[in-house]
N, C-alpha and C. Protein backbone atom coordinates (compact mmCIF):
# COMPACT_ATOMS: atom_id res chain seq x y z
N MET A 1 0.81 -1.20 0.00
CA MET A 1 0.00 0.00 0.00
C MET A 1 0.86 1.26 0.00
N LEU A 2 2.06 1.20 0.55
CA LEU A 2 2.87 2.40 0.66
C LEU A 2 3.25 2.98 -0.69
N THR A 3 3.49 2.12 -1.67
CA THR A 3 3.89 2.60 -2.99
C THR A 3 2.72 2.70 -3.96
N GLY A 4 1.60 2.09 -3.63
CA GLY A 4 0.49 2.02 -4.55
C GLY A 4 0.62 0.85 -5.52
N ARG A 5 1.68 0.07 -5.39
CA ARG A 5 1.90 -1.12 -6.21
C ARG A 5 1.81 -2.35 -5.31
N PHE A 6 0.83 -3.18 -5.54
CA PHE A 6 0.62 -4.36 -4.71
C PHE A 6 1.33 -5.57 -5.31
N GLY A 7 1.47 -6.62 -4.51
CA GLY A 7 2.04 -7.87 -5.00
C GLY A 7 3.53 -7.97 -4.83
N HIS A 8 4.08 -7.38 -3.78
CA HIS A 8 5.51 -7.44 -3.50
C HIS A 8 5.73 -8.01 -2.11
N SER A 9 6.81 -8.77 -1.97
CA SER A 9 7.17 -9.31 -0.66
C SER A 9 8.68 -9.60 -0.66
N ASP A 10 9.18 -10.02 0.49
CA ASP A 10 10.58 -10.42 0.60
C ASP A 10 10.66 -11.94 0.63
N TYR A 11 11.85 -12.48 0.36
CA TYR A 11 11.93 -13.94 0.27
C TYR A 11 11.77 -14.64 1.61
N ASN A 12 12.03 -13.99 2.72
CA ASN A 12 11.80 -14.67 4.00
C ASN A 12 10.32 -14.89 4.26
N ASN A 13 9.49 -13.91 3.96
CA ASN A 13 8.05 -14.09 4.12
C ASN A 13 7.50 -15.09 3.11
N CYS A 14 8.07 -15.13 1.91
CA CYS A 14 7.57 -16.03 0.87
C CYS A 14 7.98 -17.48 1.08
N LEU A 15 8.90 -17.74 2.02
CA LEU A 15 9.23 -19.13 2.34
C LEU A 15 7.98 -19.90 2.72
N LYS A 16 7.06 -19.24 3.39
CA LYS A 16 5.82 -19.89 3.84
C LYS A 16 4.95 -20.32 2.66
N LEU A 17 5.17 -19.69 1.50
CA LEU A 17 4.40 -20.04 0.30
C LEU A 17 5.16 -21.02 -0.59
N GLY A 18 6.38 -21.42 -0.17
CA GLY A 18 7.15 -22.38 -0.93
C GLY A 18 8.28 -21.78 -1.75
N TYR A 19 8.53 -20.49 -1.61
CA TYR A 19 9.59 -19.84 -2.39
C TYR A 19 10.94 -20.46 -2.09
N ASP A 20 11.77 -20.64 -3.13
CA ASP A 20 13.10 -21.20 -2.97
C ASP A 20 14.09 -20.05 -2.83
N ALA A 21 14.46 -19.72 -1.60
CA ALA A 21 15.34 -18.58 -1.34
C ALA A 21 16.77 -18.85 -1.77
N GLU A 22 17.14 -20.10 -1.91
CA GLU A 22 18.49 -20.42 -2.37
C GLU A 22 18.61 -20.16 -3.87
N ALA A 23 17.60 -20.60 -4.63
CA ALA A 23 17.59 -20.40 -6.09
C ALA A 23 16.99 -19.05 -6.48
N LEU A 24 16.39 -18.37 -5.52
CA LEU A 24 15.73 -17.07 -5.74
C LEU A 24 14.66 -17.15 -6.83
N ARG A 25 13.78 -18.15 -6.68
CA ARG A 25 12.68 -18.29 -7.63
C ARG A 25 11.59 -19.18 -7.02
N TRP A 26 10.43 -19.09 -7.63
CA TRP A 26 9.35 -19.99 -7.24
C TRP A 26 9.69 -21.38 -7.77
N PRO A 27 9.50 -22.44 -7.00
CA PRO A 27 9.90 -23.78 -7.44
C PRO A 27 8.97 -24.35 -8.52
N ASP A 28 9.53 -25.23 -9.33
CA ASP A 28 8.77 -25.85 -10.41
C ASP A 28 7.60 -26.68 -9.91
N TRP A 29 7.72 -27.26 -8.71
CA TRP A 29 6.66 -28.13 -8.22
C TRP A 29 5.34 -27.38 -8.00
N LEU A 30 5.38 -26.07 -7.94
CA LEU A 30 4.11 -25.33 -7.82
C LEU A 30 3.23 -25.54 -9.04
N ASP A 31 3.84 -25.72 -10.21
CA ASP A 31 3.08 -25.98 -11.43
C ASP A 31 2.23 -27.24 -11.30
N SER A 32 2.79 -28.27 -10.66
CA SER A 32 2.07 -29.54 -10.52
C SER A 32 0.85 -29.41 -9.62
N LEU A 33 0.80 -28.34 -8.83
CA LEU A 33 -0.36 -28.12 -7.96
C LEU A 33 -1.44 -27.29 -8.64
N GLY A 34 -1.16 -26.83 -9.85
CA GLY A 34 -2.12 -26.02 -10.57
C GLY A 34 -2.21 -24.59 -10.06
N ILE A 35 -1.16 -24.12 -9.41
CA ILE A 35 -1.16 -22.76 -8.86
C ILE A 35 -0.79 -21.78 -9.96
N ASN A 36 -1.60 -20.75 -10.12
CA ASN A 36 -1.31 -19.70 -11.08
C ASN A 36 -0.20 -18.82 -10.49
N GLN A 37 1.03 -19.00 -10.97
CA GLN A 37 2.16 -18.27 -10.41
C GLN A 37 2.07 -16.77 -10.68
N GLY A 38 1.22 -16.37 -11.60
CA GLY A 38 1.00 -14.95 -11.83
C GLY A 38 0.33 -14.26 -10.66
N LEU A 39 -0.28 -15.05 -9.77
CA LEU A 39 -0.93 -14.49 -8.59
C LEU A 39 0.01 -14.38 -7.39
N LEU A 40 1.19 -14.98 -7.52
CA LEU A 40 2.16 -14.93 -6.42
C LEU A 40 2.89 -13.59 -6.43
N PRO A 41 3.35 -13.15 -5.26
CA PRO A 41 4.02 -11.85 -5.21
C PRO A 41 5.37 -11.85 -5.93
N GLU A 42 5.75 -10.66 -6.40
CA GLU A 42 7.11 -10.45 -6.89
C GLU A 42 8.00 -10.44 -5.66
N VAL A 43 9.05 -11.24 -5.68
CA VAL A 43 9.87 -11.44 -4.49
C VAL A 43 11.15 -10.61 -4.58
N HIS A 44 11.47 -9.95 -3.47
CA HIS A 44 12.65 -9.11 -3.38
C HIS A 44 13.54 -9.60 -2.24
N LYS A 45 14.82 -9.29 -2.34
CA LYS A 45 15.73 -9.53 -1.22
C LYS A 45 15.44 -8.48 -0.16
N PRO A 46 15.50 -8.83 1.13
CA PRO A 46 15.32 -7.82 2.17
C PRO A 46 16.28 -6.64 1.94
N GLY A 47 15.74 -5.46 2.00
CA GLY A 47 16.54 -4.26 1.79
C GLY A 47 16.50 -3.73 0.38
N ASP A 48 16.02 -4.53 -0.58
CA ASP A 48 15.89 -4.04 -1.96
C ASP A 48 14.83 -2.95 -2.02
N GLU A 49 15.07 -1.98 -2.86
CA GLU A 49 14.09 -0.91 -3.03
C GLU A 49 12.92 -1.40 -3.87
N ILE A 50 11.71 -1.15 -3.37
CA ILE A 50 10.50 -1.50 -4.10
C ILE A 50 9.99 -0.30 -4.88
N GLY A 51 10.16 0.87 -4.32
CA GLY A 51 9.69 2.09 -4.98
C GLY A 51 9.74 3.25 -4.00
N VAL A 52 8.96 4.26 -4.28
CA VAL A 52 8.84 5.41 -3.37
C VAL A 52 7.39 5.50 -2.91
N LEU A 53 7.20 6.24 -1.83
CA LEU A 53 5.85 6.42 -1.32
C LEU A 53 4.93 7.01 -2.37
N SER A 54 3.71 6.54 -2.39
CA SER A 54 2.72 7.16 -3.27
C SER A 54 2.41 8.55 -2.71
N PRO A 55 1.96 9.47 -3.54
CA PRO A 55 1.63 10.81 -3.04
C PRO A 55 0.61 10.77 -1.90
N ASP A 56 -0.37 9.89 -1.98
CA ASP A 56 -1.39 9.78 -0.92
C ASP A 56 -0.78 9.34 0.40
N MET A 57 0.10 8.33 0.35
CA MET A 57 0.73 7.84 1.58
C MET A 57 1.67 8.88 2.17
N ALA A 58 2.40 9.58 1.31
CA ALA A 58 3.30 10.63 1.80
C ALA A 58 2.50 11.70 2.54
N LYS A 59 1.37 12.09 1.97
CA LYS A 59 0.52 13.11 2.60
C LYS A 59 -0.09 12.57 3.89
N THR A 60 -0.59 11.36 3.86
CA THR A 60 -1.22 10.75 5.04
C THR A 60 -0.28 10.72 6.23
N PHE A 61 0.98 10.36 5.99
CA PHE A 61 1.93 10.20 7.09
C PHE A 61 2.85 11.40 7.28
N GLY A 62 2.67 12.42 6.46
CA GLY A 62 3.49 13.62 6.59
C GLY A 62 4.95 13.37 6.25
N LEU A 63 5.18 12.50 5.28
CA LEU A 63 6.55 12.16 4.87
C LEU A 63 6.86 12.76 3.50
N ARG A 64 8.13 12.87 3.21
CA ARG A 64 8.54 13.39 1.91
C ARG A 64 8.09 12.44 0.80
N ALA A 65 7.71 13.00 -0.33
CA ALA A 65 7.22 12.20 -1.45
C ALA A 65 8.31 11.31 -2.06
N ASP A 66 9.58 11.64 -1.81
CA ASP A 66 10.65 10.82 -2.36
C ASP A 66 11.17 9.78 -1.36
N THR A 67 10.39 9.51 -0.30
CA THR A 67 10.78 8.51 0.68
C THR A 67 10.78 7.13 0.03
N ARG A 68 11.91 6.44 0.12
CA ARG A 68 12.04 5.11 -0.48
C ARG A 68 11.36 4.06 0.39
N VAL A 69 10.79 3.07 -0.26
CA VAL A 69 10.19 1.92 0.42
C VAL A 69 11.04 0.71 0.08
N LEU A 70 11.52 0.04 1.14
CA LEU A 70 12.39 -1.11 0.95
C LEU A 70 11.68 -2.39 1.40
N ALA A 71 12.08 -3.51 0.80
CA ALA A 71 11.55 -4.80 1.22
C ALA A 71 12.02 -5.08 2.64
N GLY A 72 11.16 -5.63 3.44
CA GLY A 72 11.48 -5.93 4.82
C GLY A 72 11.86 -7.38 5.01
N THR A 73 11.53 -7.91 6.16
CA THR A 73 11.78 -9.31 6.46
C THR A 73 10.83 -9.71 7.59
N THR A 74 10.89 -10.95 7.98
CA THR A 74 10.04 -11.41 9.07
C THR A 74 10.62 -10.96 10.41
N ASP A 75 9.79 -10.91 11.43
CA ASP A 75 10.28 -10.50 12.75
C ASP A 75 11.29 -11.51 13.29
N GLY A 76 11.11 -12.78 12.98
CA GLY A 76 12.04 -13.80 13.45
C GLY A 76 13.43 -13.61 12.86
N VAL A 77 13.50 -13.32 11.57
CA VAL A 77 14.79 -13.09 10.93
C VAL A 77 15.38 -11.77 11.43
N ALA A 78 14.55 -10.75 11.53
CA ALA A 78 15.03 -9.43 11.97
C ALA A 78 15.63 -9.50 13.38
N SER A 79 15.14 -10.39 14.21
CA SER A 79 15.64 -10.48 15.58
C SER A 79 17.09 -10.96 15.64
N PHE A 80 17.56 -11.59 14.57
CA PHE A 80 18.95 -12.05 14.51
C PHE A 80 19.91 -11.00 13.95
N LEU A 81 19.37 -9.95 13.38
CA LEU A 81 20.22 -8.93 12.74
C LEU A 81 20.77 -7.98 13.79
N PRO A 82 22.05 -7.62 13.66
CA PRO A 82 22.61 -6.66 14.62
C PRO A 82 22.06 -5.27 14.34
N PRO A 83 21.98 -4.43 15.36
CA PRO A 83 21.49 -3.08 15.12
C PRO A 83 22.47 -2.32 14.22
N VAL A 84 21.91 -1.46 13.39
CA VAL A 84 22.72 -0.66 12.48
C VAL A 84 22.96 0.69 13.14
N PRO A 85 24.23 1.12 13.21
CA PRO A 85 24.47 2.43 13.81
C PRO A 85 23.84 3.53 12.97
N PRO A 86 23.41 4.62 13.58
CA PRO A 86 22.78 5.70 12.82
C PRO A 86 23.74 6.26 11.77
N ASN A 87 23.19 6.64 10.64
CA ASN A 87 23.96 7.24 9.57
C ASN A 87 23.95 8.75 9.75
N PRO A 88 25.08 9.36 10.02
CA PRO A 88 25.10 10.81 10.25
C PRO A 88 24.78 11.61 9.01
N ASP A 89 24.83 10.95 7.82
CA ASP A 89 24.53 11.67 6.57
C ASP A 89 23.04 11.77 6.29
N ILE A 90 22.23 11.04 7.07
CA ILE A 90 20.77 11.07 6.90
C ILE A 90 20.18 11.93 8.00
N ALA A 91 19.47 12.96 7.58
CA ALA A 91 18.86 13.85 8.59
C ALA A 91 17.43 13.46 8.84
C-alpha cells in the first residue's frame, strides 16, 4: 500500500508459500499443484528498493514524497540482525 503497487514481498516471508530462497525463484513443483504463479508476489531480497511512497501515503503520514520503500523481512529473521548504527549523513 505504501507505494500504490501491490504484489511485492521479501523472500523470508515467501518461504511460507514455498519460495526457494536459495535459487531465488518460485519452485517448479508449484506448477504440478495447478497454482497460477502470476498471482504470487514479486519477491525481493530484504533491503531491496521496491519504490517510493505514493503521493497519498506521503501526505497521510506527513513524509517526503521521495521517501524510499524497501523490502522488509520477518520478525524472526530481523531479531537475529545486529542493530545498524545511525547514519550521520541522513537527517
